[in-house]
Structures are given as C-alpha cells and as structure tokens.
PDB file of N, CA and C in Angstrom:
ATOM      1  N   UNK A   1      26.500 273.781  67.737  1.00  0.00           N
ATOM      2  CA  UNK A   1      25.711 273.217  68.800  1.00  0.00           C
ATOM      3  C   UNK A   1      26.567 272.955  70.035  1.00  0.00           C
ATOM      4  N   UNK A   2      27.751 272.442  69.860  1.00  0.00           N
ATOM      5  CA  UNK A   2      28.644 272.168  70.975  1.00  0.00           C
ATOM      6  C   UNK A   2      29.101 273.464  71.642  1.00  0.00           C
ATOM      7  N   UNK A   3      29.201 274.529  70.858  1.00  0.00           N
ATOM      8  CA  UNK A   3      29.643 275.789  71.407  1.00  0.00           C
ATOM      9  C   UNK A   3      28.612 276.338  72.406  1.00  0.00           C
ATOM     10  N   UNK A   4      27.325 276.177  72.092  1.00  0.00           N
ATOM     11  CA  UNK A   4      26.255 276.643  72.974  1.00  0.00           C
ATOM     12  C   UNK A   4      26.276 275.858  74.281  1.00  0.00           C
ATOM     13  N   UNK A   5      26.492 274.543  74.231  1.00  0.00           N
ATOM     14  CA  UNK A   5      26.541 273.721  75.436  1.00  0.00           C
ATOM     15  C   UNK A   5      27.732 274.069  76.309  1.00  0.00           C
ATOM     16  N   UNK A   6      28.861 274.391  75.686  1.00  0.00           N
ATOM     17  CA  UNK A   6      30.041 274.728  76.472  1.00  0.00           C
ATOM     18  C   UNK A   6      29.851 276.045  77.218  1.00  0.00           C
ATOM     19  N   UNK A   7      29.079 276.971  76.642  1.00  0.00           N
ATOM     20  CA  UNK A   7      28.867 278.254  77.311  1.00  0.00           C
ATOM     21  C   UNK A   7      27.911 278.144  78.489  1.00  0.00           C
ATOM     22  N   UNK A   8      27.110 277.080  78.526  1.00  0.00           N
ATOM     23  CA  UNK A   8      26.141 276.915  79.603  1.00  0.00           C
ATOM     24  C   UNK A   8      26.650 275.993  80.708  1.00  0.00           C
ATOM     25  N   UNK A   9      27.905 275.659  80.693  1.00  0.00           N
ATOM     26  CA  UNK A   9      28.457 274.809  81.745  1.00  0.00           C
ATOM     27  C   UNK A   9      28.407 275.545  83.080  1.00  0.00           C
ATOM     28  N   UNK A  10      27.967 274.844  84.112  1.00  0.00           N
ATOM     29  CA  UNK A  10      27.903 275.444  85.433  1.00  0.00           C
ATOM     30  C   UNK A  10      26.569 276.093  85.753  1.00  0.00           C
ATOM     31  N   UNK A  11      25.671 276.181  84.782  1.00  0.00           N
ATOM     32  CA  UNK A  11      24.361 276.798  85.025  1.00  0.00           C
ATOM     33  C   UNK A  11      23.554 275.949  86.002  1.00  0.00           C
ATOM     34  N   UNK A  12      23.629 274.649  85.889  1.00  0.00           N
ATOM     35  CA  UNK A  12      22.892 273.775  86.801  1.00  0.00           C
ATOM     36  C   UNK A  12      23.440 273.905  88.224  1.00  0.00           C
ATOM     37  N   UNK A  13      24.739 274.030  88.345  1.00  0.00           N
ATOM     38  CA  UNK A  13      25.345 274.199  89.662  1.00  0.00           C
ATOM     39  C   UNK A  13      24.871 275.490  90.308  1.00  0.00           C
ATOM     40  N   UNK A  14      24.809 276.575  89.556  1.00  0.00           N
ATOM     41  CA  UNK A  14      24.329 277.848  90.092  1.00  0.00           C
ATOM     42  C   UNK A  14      22.854 277.756  90.492  1.00  0.00           C
ATOM     43  N   UNK A  15      22.068 277.063  89.672  1.00  0.00           N
ATOM     44  CA  UNK A  15      20.659 276.908  89.982  1.00  0.00           C
ATOM     45  C   UNK A  15      20.474 276.100  91.271  1.00  0.00           C
ATOM     46  N   UNK A  16      21.208 275.029  91.443  1.00  0.00           N
ATOM     47  CA  UNK A  16      21.129 274.213  92.655  1.00  0.00           C
ATOM     48  C   UNK A  16      21.591 275.010  93.871  1.00  0.00           C
ATOM     49  N   UNK A  17      22.662 275.765  93.745  1.00  0.00           N
ATOM     50  CA  UNK A  17      23.130 276.596  94.866  1.00  0.00           C
ATOM     51  C   UNK A  17      22.097 277.654  95.247  1.00  0.00           C
ATOM     52  N   UNK A  18      21.448 278.243  94.257  1.00  0.00           N
ATOM     53  CA  UNK A  18      20.413 279.242  94.527  1.00  0.00           C
ATOM     54  C   UNK A  18      19.221 278.603  95.255  1.00  0.00           C
ATOM     55  N   UNK A  19      18.806 277.423  94.827  1.00  0.00           N
ATOM     56  CA  UNK A  19      17.685 276.723  95.467  1.00  0.00           C
ATOM     57  C   UNK A  19      18.053 276.356  96.912  1.00  0.00           C
ATOM     58  N   UNK A  20      19.290 275.908  97.133  1.00  0.00           N
ATOM     59  CA  UNK A  20      19.738 275.588  98.492  1.00  0.00           C
ATOM     60  C   UNK A  20      19.711 276.843  99.366  1.00  0.00           C
ATOM     61  N   UNK A  21      20.136 277.959  98.803  1.00  0.00           N
ATOM     62  CA  UNK A  21      20.119 279.227  99.540  1.00  0.00           C
ATOM     63  C   UNK A  21      18.695 279.622  99.918  1.00  0.00           C
ATOM     64  N   UNK A  22      17.753 279.474  98.995  1.00  0.00           N
ATOM     65  CA  UNK A  22      16.356 279.828  99.270  1.00  0.00           C
ATOM     66  C   UNK A  22      15.792 278.941 100.376  1.00  0.00           C
ATOM     67  N   UNK A  23      16.038 277.633 100.298  1.00  0.00           N
ATOM     68  CA  UNK A  23      15.533 276.727 101.335  1.00  0.00           C
ATOM     69  C   UNK A  23      16.194 276.988 102.693  1.00  0.00           C
ATOM     70  N   UNK A  24      17.455 277.357 102.681  1.00  0.00           N
ATOM     71  CA  UNK A  24      18.139 277.674 103.937  1.00  0.00           C
ATOM     72  C   UNK A  24      17.525 278.925 104.575  1.00  0.00           C
ATOM     73  N   UNK A  25      17.217 279.917 103.765  1.00  0.00           N
ATOM     74  CA  UNK A  25      16.591 281.128 104.291  1.00  0.00           C
ATOM     75  C   UNK A  25      15.194 280.834 104.830  1.00  0.00           C
ATOM     76  N   UNK A  26      14.433 279.994 104.139  1.00  0.00           N
ATOM     77  CA  UNK A  26      13.112 279.615 104.636  1.00  0.00           C
ATOM     78  C   UNK A  26      13.218 278.850 105.946  1.00  0.00           C
ATOM     79  N   UNK A  27      14.181 277.967 106.050  1.00  0.00           N
ATOM     80  CA  UNK A  27      14.386 277.220 107.287  1.00  0.00           C
ATOM     81  C   UNK A  27      14.738 278.127 108.444  1.00  0.00           C
ATOM     82  N   UNK A  28      15.600 279.110 108.193  1.00  0.00           N
ATOM     83  CA  UNK A  28      15.958 280.061 109.256  1.00  0.00           C
ATOM     84  C   UNK A  28      14.760 280.898 109.681  1.00  0.00           C
ATOM     85  N   UNK A  29      13.923 281.276 108.719  1.00  0.00           N
ATOM     86  CA  UNK A  29      12.731 282.061 109.062  1.00  0.00           C
ATOM     87  C   UNK A  29      11.771 281.254 109.921  1.00  0.00           C
ATOM     88  N   UNK A  30      11.565 279.989 109.584  1.00  0.00           N
ATOM     89  CA  UNK A  30      10.682 279.139 110.377  1.00  0.00           C
ATOM     90  C   UNK A  30      11.262 278.915 111.769  1.00  0.00           C
ATOM     91  N   UNK A  31      12.551 278.691 111.856  1.00  0.00           N
ATOM     92  CA  UNK A  31      13.191 278.474 113.152  1.00  0.00           C
ATOM     93  C   UNK A  31      13.115 279.735 114.016  1.00  0.00           C
ATOM     94  N   UNK A  32      13.308 280.889 113.416  1.00  0.00           N
ATOM     95  CA  UNK A  32      13.225 282.147 114.151  1.00  0.00           C
ATOM     96  C   UNK A  32      11.807 282.381 114.677  1.00  0.00           C
ATOM     97  N   UNK A  33      10.802 282.100 113.868  1.00  0.00           N
ATOM     98  CA  UNK A  33       9.415 282.259 114.313  1.00  0.00           C
ATOM     99  C   UNK A  33       9.097 281.289 115.442  1.00  0.00           C
ATOM    100  N   UNK A  34       9.619 280.105 115.360  1.00  0.00           N
ATOM    101  CA  UNK A  34       9.386 279.096 116.401  1.00  0.00           C
ATOM    102  C   UNK A  34      10.013 279.517 117.726  1.00  0.00           C
ATOM    103  N   UNK A  35      11.233 279.984 117.678  1.00  0.00           N
ATOM    104  CA  UNK A  35      11.921 280.432 118.903  1.00  0.00           C
ATOM    105  C   UNK A  35      11.220 281.651 119.499  1.00  0.00           C
ATOM    106  N   UNK A  36      10.810 282.585 118.641  1.00  0.00           N
ATOM    107  CA  UNK A  36      10.085 283.766 119.121  1.00  0.00           C
ATOM    108  C   UNK A  36       8.781 283.398 119.796  1.00  0.00           C
ATOM    109  N   UNK A  37       8.058 282.434 119.237  1.00  0.00           N
ATOM    110  CA  UNK A  37       6.814 281.973 119.851  1.00  0.00           C
ATOM    111  C   UNK A  37       7.046 281.340 121.198  1.00  0.00           C
ATOM    112  N   UNK A  38       8.107 280.568 121.311  1.00  0.00           N
ATOM    113  CA  UNK A  38       8.421 279.930 122.590  1.00  0.00           C
ATOM    114  C   UNK A  38       8.764 280.973 123.652  1.00  0.00           C
ATOM    115  N   UNK A  39       9.493 281.995 123.275  1.00  0.00           N
ATOM    116  CA  UNK A  39       9.863 283.050 124.228  1.00  0.00           C
ATOM    117  C   UNK A  39       8.610 283.814 124.672  1.00  0.00           C
ATOM    118  N   UNK A  40       7.726 284.130 123.724  1.00  0.00           N
ATOM    119  CA  UNK A  40       6.490 284.834 124.085  1.00  0.00           C
ATOM    120  C   UNK A  40       5.621 283.982 124.999  1.00  0.00           C
ATOM    121  N   UNK A  41       5.563 282.712 124.729  1.00  0.00           N
ATOM    122  CA  UNK A  41       4.771 281.802 125.558  1.00  0.00           C
ATOM    123  C   UNK A  41       5.318 281.733 126.985  1.00  0.00           C
ATOM    124  N   UNK A  42       6.625 281.669 127.118  1.00  0.00           N
ATOM    125  CA  UNK A  42       7.247 281.611 128.445  1.00  0.00           C
ATOM    126  C   UNK A  42       7.009 282.906 129.213  1.00  0.00           C
ATOM    127  N   UNK A  43       7.107 284.037 128.527  1.00  0.00           N
ATOM    128  CA  UNK A  43       6.866 285.331 129.166  1.00  0.00           C
ATOM    129  C   UNK A  43       5.425 285.436 129.634  1.00  0.00           C
ATOM    130  N   UNK A  44       4.495 285.010 128.794  1.00  0.00           N
ATOM    131  CA  UNK A  44       3.078 285.049 129.156  1.00  0.00           C
ATOM    132  C   UNK A  44       2.802 284.155 130.362  1.00  0.00           C
ATOM    133  N   UNK A  45       3.442 282.994 130.398  1.00  0.00           N
ATOM    134  CA  UNK A  45       3.261 282.070 131.519  1.00  0.00           C
ATOM    135  C   UNK A  45       3.766 282.699 132.814  1.00  0.00           C
ATOM    136  N   UNK A  46       4.908 283.375 132.760  1.00  0.00           N
ATOM    137  CA  UNK A  46       5.438 284.040 133.959  1.00  0.00           C
ATOM    138  C   UNK A  46       4.519 285.162 134.415  1.00  0.00           C
ATOM    139  N   UNK A  47       3.941 285.916 133.461  1.00  0.00           N
ATOM    140  CA  UNK A  47       3.012 286.985 133.820  1.00  0.00           C
ATOM    141  C   UNK A  47       1.791 286.430 134.536  1.00  0.00           C
ATOM    142  N   UNK A  48       1.237 285.347 134.010  1.00  0.00           N
ATOM    143  CA  UNK A  48       0.051 284.745 134.618  1.00  0.00           C
ATOM    144  C   UNK A  48       0.378 284.193 136.000  1.00  0.00           C
ATOM    145  N   UNK A  49       1.530 283.551 136.148  1.00  0.00           N
ATOM    146  CA  UNK A  49       1.913 283.012 137.449  1.00  0.00           C
ATOM    147  C   UNK A  49       2.080 284.119 138.480  1.00  0.00           C
ATOM    148  N   UNK A  50       2.706 285.223 138.092  1.00  0.00           N
ATOM    149  CA  UNK A  50       2.901 286.315 139.051  1.00  0.00           C
ATOM    150  C   UNK A  50       1.568 286.943 139.429  1.00  0.00           C
ATOM    151  N   UNK A  51       0.650 287.025 138.480  1.00  0.00           N
ATOM    152  CA  UNK A  51      -0.670 287.571 138.795  1.00  0.00           C
ATOM    153  C   UNK A  51      -1.412 286.669 139.772  1.00  0.00           C
ATOM    154  N   UNK A  52      -1.346 285.364 139.559  1.00  0.00           N
ATOM    155  CA  UNK A  52      -2.016 284.439 140.469  1.00  0.00           C
ATOM    156  C   UNK A  52      -1.374 284.458 141.857  1.00  0.00           C
ATOM    157  N   UNK A  53      -0.061 284.595 141.916  1.00  0.00           N
ATOM    158  CA  UNK A  53       0.601 284.695 143.222  1.00  0.00           C
ATOM    159  C   UNK A  53       0.179 285.963 143.953  1.00  0.00           C
ATOM    160  N   UNK A  54       0.050 287.062 143.222  1.00  0.00           N
ATOM    161  CA  UNK A  54      -0.391 288.314 143.846  1.00  0.00           C
ATOM    162  C   UNK A  54      -1.828 288.190 144.343  1.00  0.00           C
ATOM    163  N   UNK A  55      -2.678 287.551 143.556  1.00  0.00           N
ATOM    164  CA  UNK A  55      -4.063 287.337 143.990  1.00  0.00           C
ATOM    165  C   UNK A  55      -4.111 286.474 145.250  1.00  0.00           C
ATOM    166  N   UNK A  56      -3.296 285.441 145.275  1.00  0.00           N
ATOM    167  CA  UNK A  56      -3.277 284.548 146.436  1.00  0.00           C
ATOM    168  C   UNK A  56      -2.808 285.296 147.684  1.00  0.00           C
ATOM    169  N   UNK A  57      -1.769 286.100 147.540  1.00  0.00           N
ATOM    170  CA  UNK A  57      -1.259 286.862 148.684  1.00  0.00           C
ATOM    171  C   UNK A  57      -2.304 287.850 149.191  1.00  0.00           C
ATOM    172  N   UNK A  58      -3.004 288.481 148.266  1.00  0.00           N
ATOM    173  CA  UNK A  58      -4.042 289.425 148.663  1.00  0.00           C
ATOM    174  C   UNK A  58      -5.175 288.705 149.391  1.00  0.00           C
ATOM    175  N   UNK A  59      -5.579 287.568 148.861  1.00  0.00           N
ATOM    176  CA  UNK A  59      -6.641 286.799 149.522  1.00  0.00           C
ATOM    177  C   UNK A  59      -6.232 286.360 150.922  1.00  0.00           C
ATOM    178  N   UNK A  60      -4.985 285.945 151.078  1.00  0.00           N
ATOM    179  CA  UNK A  60      -4.505 285.541 152.403  1.00  0.00           C
ATOM    180  C   UNK A  60      -4.467 286.723 153.361  1.00  0.00           C
ATOM    181  N   UNK A  61      -4.054 287.876 152.881  1.00  0.00           N
ATOM    182  CA  UNK A  61      -4.011 289.067 153.733  1.00  0.00           C
ATOM    183  C   UNK A  61      -5.415 289.477 154.163  1.00  0.00           C
ATOM    184  N   UNK A  62      -6.358 289.432 153.232  1.00  0.00           N
ATOM    185  CA  UNK A  62      -7.739 289.797 153.557  1.00  0.00           C
ATOM    186  C   UNK A  62      -8.317 288.808 154.564  1.00  0.00           C
ATOM    187  N   UNK A  63      -8.038 287.528 154.365  1.00  0.00           N
ATOM    188  CA  UNK A  63      -8.549 286.514 155.301  1.00  0.00           C
ATOM    189  C   UNK A  63      -7.949 286.720 156.686  1.00  0.00           C
ATOM    190  N   UNK A  64      -6.676 287.078 156.750  1.00  0.00           N
ATOM    191  CA  UNK A  64      -6.038 287.311 158.037  1.00  0.00           C
ATOM    192  C   UNK A  64      -6.648 288.537 158.732  1.00  0.00           C
ATOM    193  N   UNK A  65      -6.860 289.596 157.970  1.00  0.00           N
ATOM    194  CA  UNK A  65      -7.453 290.806 158.544  1.00  0.00           C
ATOM    195  C   UNK A  65      -8.880 290.525 159.009  1.00  0.00           C
ATOM    196  N   UNK A  66      -9.626 289.780 158.192  1.00  0.00           N
ATOM    197  CA  UNK A  66     -10.991 289.456 158.579  1.00  0.00           C
ATOM    198  C   UNK A  66     -11.007 288.590 159.836  1.00  0.00           C
ATOM    199  N   UNK A  67     -10.089 287.642 159.918  1.00  0.00           N
ATOM    200  CA  UNK A  67     -10.012 286.809 161.118  1.00  0.00           C
ATOM    201  C   UNK A  67      -9.682 287.628 162.347  1.00  0.00           C
ATOM    202  N   UNK A  68      -8.765 288.576 162.211  1.00  0.00           N
ATOM    203  CA  UNK A  68      -8.420 289.433 163.349  1.00  0.00           C
ATOM    204  C   UNK A  68      -9.599 290.298 163.772  1.00  0.00           C
ATOM    205  N   UNK A  69     -10.332 290.835 162.779  1.00  0.00           N
ATOM    206  CA  UNK A  69     -11.500 291.660 163.108  1.00  0.00           C
ATOM    207  C   UNK A  69     -12.579 290.836 163.800  1.00  0.00           C
ATOM    208  N   UNK A  70     -12.800 289.642 163.285  1.00  0.00           N
ATOM    209  CA  UNK A  70     -13.833 288.792 163.884  1.00  0.00           C
ATOM    210  C   UNK A  70     -13.434 288.359 165.285  1.00  0.00           C
ATOM    211  N   UNK A  71     -12.147 288.147 165.509  1.00  0.00           N
ATOM    212  CA  UNK A  71     -11.697 287.764 166.846  1.00  0.00           C
ATOM    213  C   UNK A  71     -11.881 288.915 167.832  1.00  0.00           C
ATOM    214  N   UNK A  72     -11.644 290.150 167.384  1.00  0.00           N
ATOM    215  CA  UNK A  72     -11.770 291.306 168.271  1.00  0.00           C
ATOM    216  C   UNK A  72     -13.225 291.707 168.488  1.00  0.00           C
ATOM    217  N   UNK A  73     -14.014 291.625 167.427  1.00  0.00           N
ATOM    218  CA  UNK A  73     -15.391 292.098 167.504  1.00  0.00           C
ATOM    219  C   UNK A  73     -16.395 290.992 167.797  1.00  0.00           C
ATOM    220  N   UNK A  74     -15.964 289.760 167.711  1.00  0.00           N
ATOM    221  CA  UNK A  74     -16.898 288.646 167.877  1.00  0.00           C
ATOM    222  C   UNK A  74     -17.433 288.224 166.521  1.00  0.00           C
ATOM    223  N   UNK A  75     -17.626 286.954 166.338  1.00  0.00           N
ATOM    224  CA  UNK A  75     -18.015 286.452 165.022  1.00  0.00           C
ATOM    225  C   UNK A  75     -19.458 286.764 164.672  1.00  0.00           C
ATOM    226  N   UNK A  76     -20.296 287.196 165.659  1.00  0.00           N
ATOM    227  CA  UNK A  76     -21.700 287.476 165.373  1.00  0.00           C
ATOM    228  C   UNK A  76     -21.936 288.933 165.014  1.00  0.00           C
ATOM    229  N   UNK A  77     -20.944 289.782 165.184  1.00  0.00           N
ATOM    230  CA  UNK A  77     -21.111 291.202 164.896  1.00  0.00           C
ATOM    231  C   UNK A  77     -21.123 291.428 163.393  1.00  0.00           C
ATOM    232  N   UNK A  78     -22.245 291.903 162.864  1.00  0.00           N
ATOM    233  CA  UNK A  78     -22.356 292.113 161.414  1.00  0.00           C
ATOM    234  C   UNK A  78     -21.924 293.514 161.007  1.00  0.00           C
ATOM    235  N   UNK A  79     -21.724 294.407 161.979  1.00  0.00           N
ATOM    236  CA  UNK A  79     -21.332 295.774 161.653  1.00  0.00           C
ATOM    237  C   UNK A  79     -19.906 295.864 161.132  1.00  0.00           C
ATOM    238  N   UNK A  80     -19.053 294.932 161.514  1.00  0.00           N
ATOM    239  CA  UNK A  80     -17.645 295.035 161.170  1.00  0.00           C
ATOM    240  C   UNK A  80     -17.205 293.990 160.138  1.00  0.00           C
ATOM    241  N   UNK A  81     -18.135 293.331 159.496  1.00  0.00           N
ATOM    242  CA  UNK A  81     -17.758 292.353 158.471  1.00  0.00           C
ATOM    243  C   UNK A  81     -17.287 293.070 157.219  1.00  0.00           C
ATOM    244  N   UNK A  82     -16.382 292.436 156.528  1.00  0.00           N
ATOM    245  CA  UNK A  82     -15.827 293.028 155.314  1.00  0.00           C
ATOM    246  C   UNK A  82     -16.810 292.814 154.174  1.00  0.00           C
ATOM    247  N   UNK A  83     -17.099 293.870 153.457  1.00  0.00           N
ATOM    248  CA  UNK A  83     -17.975 293.776 152.289  1.00  0.00           C
ATOM    249  C   UNK A  83     -17.123 293.303 151.106  1.00  0.00           C
ATOM    250  N   UNK A  84     -17.294 292.056 150.709  1.00  0.00           N
ATOM    251  CA  UNK A  84     -16.436 291.454 149.687  1.00  0.00           C
ATOM    252  C   UNK A  84     -16.630 292.088 148.320  1.00  0.00           C
ATOM    253  N   UNK A  85     -17.846 292.528 148.002  1.00  0.00           N
ATOM    254  CA  UNK A  85     -18.083 293.139 146.694  1.00  0.00           C
ATOM    255  C   UNK A  85     -17.308 294.451 146.564  1.00  0.00           C
ATOM    256  N   UNK A  86     -17.310 295.237 147.614  1.00  0.00           N
ATOM    257  CA  UNK A  86     -16.563 296.499 147.587  1.00  0.00           C
ATOM    258  C   UNK A  86     -15.065 296.219 147.505  1.00  0.00           C
ATOM    259  N   UNK A  87     -14.586 295.241 148.260  1.00  0.00           N
ATOM    260  CA  UNK A  87     -13.169 294.900 148.244  1.00  0.00           C
ATOM    261  C   UNK A  87     -12.729 294.425 146.857  1.00  0.00           C
ATOM    262  N   UNK A  88     -13.553 293.572 146.224  1.00  0.00           N
ATOM    263  CA  UNK A  88     -13.218 293.084 144.883  1.00  0.00           C
ATOM    264  C   UNK A  88     -13.178 294.216 143.873  1.00  0.00           C
ATOM    265  N   UNK A  89     -14.162 295.124 143.933  1.00  0.00           N
ATOM    266  CA  UNK A  89     -14.177 296.225 142.966  1.00  0.00           C
ATOM    267  C   UNK A  89     -12.990 297.164 143.184  1.00  0.00           C
ATOM    268  N   UNK A  90     -12.612 297.401 144.435  1.00  0.00           N
ATOM    269  CA  UNK A  90     -11.439 298.238 144.705  1.00  0.00           C
ATOM    270  C   UNK A  90     -10.160 297.579 144.206  1.00  0.00           C
ATOM    271  N   UNK A  91     -10.068 296.255 144.365  1.00  0.00           N
ATOM    272  CA  UNK A  91      -8.882 295.532 143.891  1.00  0.00           C
ATOM    273  C   UNK A  91      -8.790 295.585 142.370  1.00  0.00           C
ATOM    274  N   UNK A  92      -9.919 295.401 141.698  1.00  0.00           N
ATOM    275  CA  UNK A  92      -9.915 295.476 140.231  1.00  0.00           C
ATOM    276  C   UNK A  92      -9.540 296.873 139.769  1.00  0.00           C
ATOM    277  N   UNK A  93     -10.075 297.895 140.430  1.00  0.00           N
ATOM    278  CA  UNK A  93      -9.721 299.272 140.072  1.00  0.00           C
ATOM    279  C   UNK A  93      -8.247 299.541 140.325  1.00  0.00           C
ATOM    280  N   UNK A  94      -7.709 298.962 141.395  1.00  0.00           N
ATOM    281  CA  UNK A  94      -6.293 299.137 141.702  1.00  0.00           C
ATOM    282  C   UNK A  94      -5.432 298.508 140.611  1.00  0.00           C
ATOM    283  N   UNK A  95      -5.823 297.319 140.136  1.00  0.00           N
ATOM    284  CA  UNK A  95      -5.058 296.666 139.075  1.00  0.00           C
ATOM    285  C   UNK A  95      -5.073 297.518 137.807  1.00  0.00           C
ATOM    286  N   UNK A  96      -6.229 298.116 137.508  1.00  0.00           N
ATOM    287  CA  UNK A  96      -6.312 298.963 136.316  1.00  0.00           C
ATOM    288  C   UNK A  96      -5.474 300.225 136.480  1.00  0.00           C
ATOM    289  N   UNK A  97      -5.465 300.796 137.668  1.00  0.00           N
ATOM    290  CA  UNK A  97      -4.705 302.021 137.905  1.00  0.00           C
ATOM    291  C   UNK A  97      -3.210 301.761 137.822  1.00  0.00           C
ATOM    292  N   UNK A  98      -2.770 300.629 138.317  1.00  0.00           N
ATOM    293  CA  UNK A  98      -1.349 300.298 138.292  1.00  0.00           C
ATOM    294  C   UNK A  98      -0.922 299.889 136.890  1.00  0.00           C
ATOM    295  N   UNK A  99      -1.845 299.358 136.114  1.00  0.00           N
ATOM    296  CA  UNK A  99      -1.537 298.965 134.748  1.00  0.00           C
ATOM    297  C   UNK A  99      -1.176 297.504 134.610  1.00  0.00           C
ATOM    298  N   UNK A 100      -1.713 296.659 135.468  1.00  0.00           N
ATOM    299  CA  UNK A 100      -1.443 295.226 135.372  1.00  0.00           C
ATOM    300  C   UNK A 100      -2.274 294.672 134.224  1.00  0.00           C
ATOM    301  N   UNK A 101      -1.591 294.007 133.299  1.00  0.00           N
ATOM    302  CA  UNK A 101      -2.297 293.409 132.172  1.00  0.00           C
ATOM    303  C   UNK A 101      -2.777 292.034 132.588  1.00  0.00           C
ATOM    304  N   UNK A 102      -4.068 291.792 132.407  1.00  0.00           N
ATOM    305  CA  UNK A 102      -4.595 290.476 132.704  1.00  0.00           C
ATOM    306  C   UNK A 102      -5.113 289.876 131.413  1.00  0.00           C
ATOM    307  N   UNK A 103      -4.693 288.647 131.151  1.00  0.00           N
ATOM    308  CA  UNK A 103      -5.161 287.966 129.947  1.00  0.00           C
ATOM    309  C   UNK A 103      -6.193 286.923 130.291  1.00  0.00           C
ATOM    310  N   UNK A 104      -6.254 286.546 131.542  1.00  0.00           N
ATOM    311  CA  UNK A 104      -7.239 285.565 131.972  1.00  0.00           C
ATOM    312  C   UNK A 104      -8.095 286.183 133.043  1.00  0.00           C
ATOM    313  N   UNK A 105      -9.263 285.646 133.209  1.00  0.00           N
ATOM    314  CA  UNK A 105     -10.135 286.142 134.255  1.00  0.00           C
ATOM    315  C   UNK A 105      -9.682 285.553 135.576  1.00  0.00           C
ATOM    316  N   UNK A 106      -9.608 286.403 136.554  1.00  0.00           N
ATOM    317  CA  UNK A 106      -9.206 285.934 137.870  1.00  0.00           C
ATOM    318  C   UNK A 106     -10.435 285.875 138.751  1.00  0.00           C
ATOM    319  N   UNK A 107     -10.486 284.881 139.575  1.00  0.00           N
ATOM    320  CA  UNK A 107     -11.605 284.705 140.487  1.00  0.00           C
ATOM    321  C   UNK A 107     -11.128 284.942 141.900  1.00  0.00           C
ATOM    322  N   UNK A 108     -11.703 285.956 142.507  1.00  0.00           N
ATOM    323  CA  UNK A 108     -11.349 286.260 143.893  1.00  0.00           C
ATOM    324  C   UNK A 108     -12.308 285.568 144.813  1.00  0.00           C
TER     325      UNK A 108
END
C-alpha cells in the first residue's frame, strides 16, 4: 500500500499546475477579446465621426453656393433654386460609388 502512494507523489502538484495553465489561457483569451472589441469600437467611432464631418462640410458648401446664387439671382427667383431632393440623391449615389460604408443613417 505504501509503495502505491510513493509512486503517486507529485500528481496533485501536476494537476494544480495544469488547472492554473488552463485558467491562465482562458484569462488571456478573455483579455484578447476585450482589447479587440475596444479597438473595433474606436475604429467604428472614427469612421462615424469622419462621415459626419464630411456631411457637415458638404452641407456648408451647398448652403454657401445657394446663398451666392440667391444673392446673384435674387431671393424671389424660383428658376435658380437648388432642388434638394436631386442633390441628396446624387450625394447618396456618390457615397455608394466611392464605397463609403455607412452604419448609421445620415440626415441631410
């Protein structure tokens, strides 16, 4: 009986080391997934911000052009007003042609 116990010395130590190794690997996997999610979130936030900045710049340019046209043609002239529906559809088509990915709906 004593001979069997002597041959199993160190088995508990190996089992504990193996369990520690498994938990360490699980911890690293969770930490890696967490860091990856944070990086994806930051990238998505930058994409959305750049899209909104581009929309804002376009809106400002259109407003400036419309103001210049109205100043030259007079504010009552309806022949030279900008058709906003056509402008919006052209802008959306331009975004699709260039390949801009939009994850949120933008309001022009």
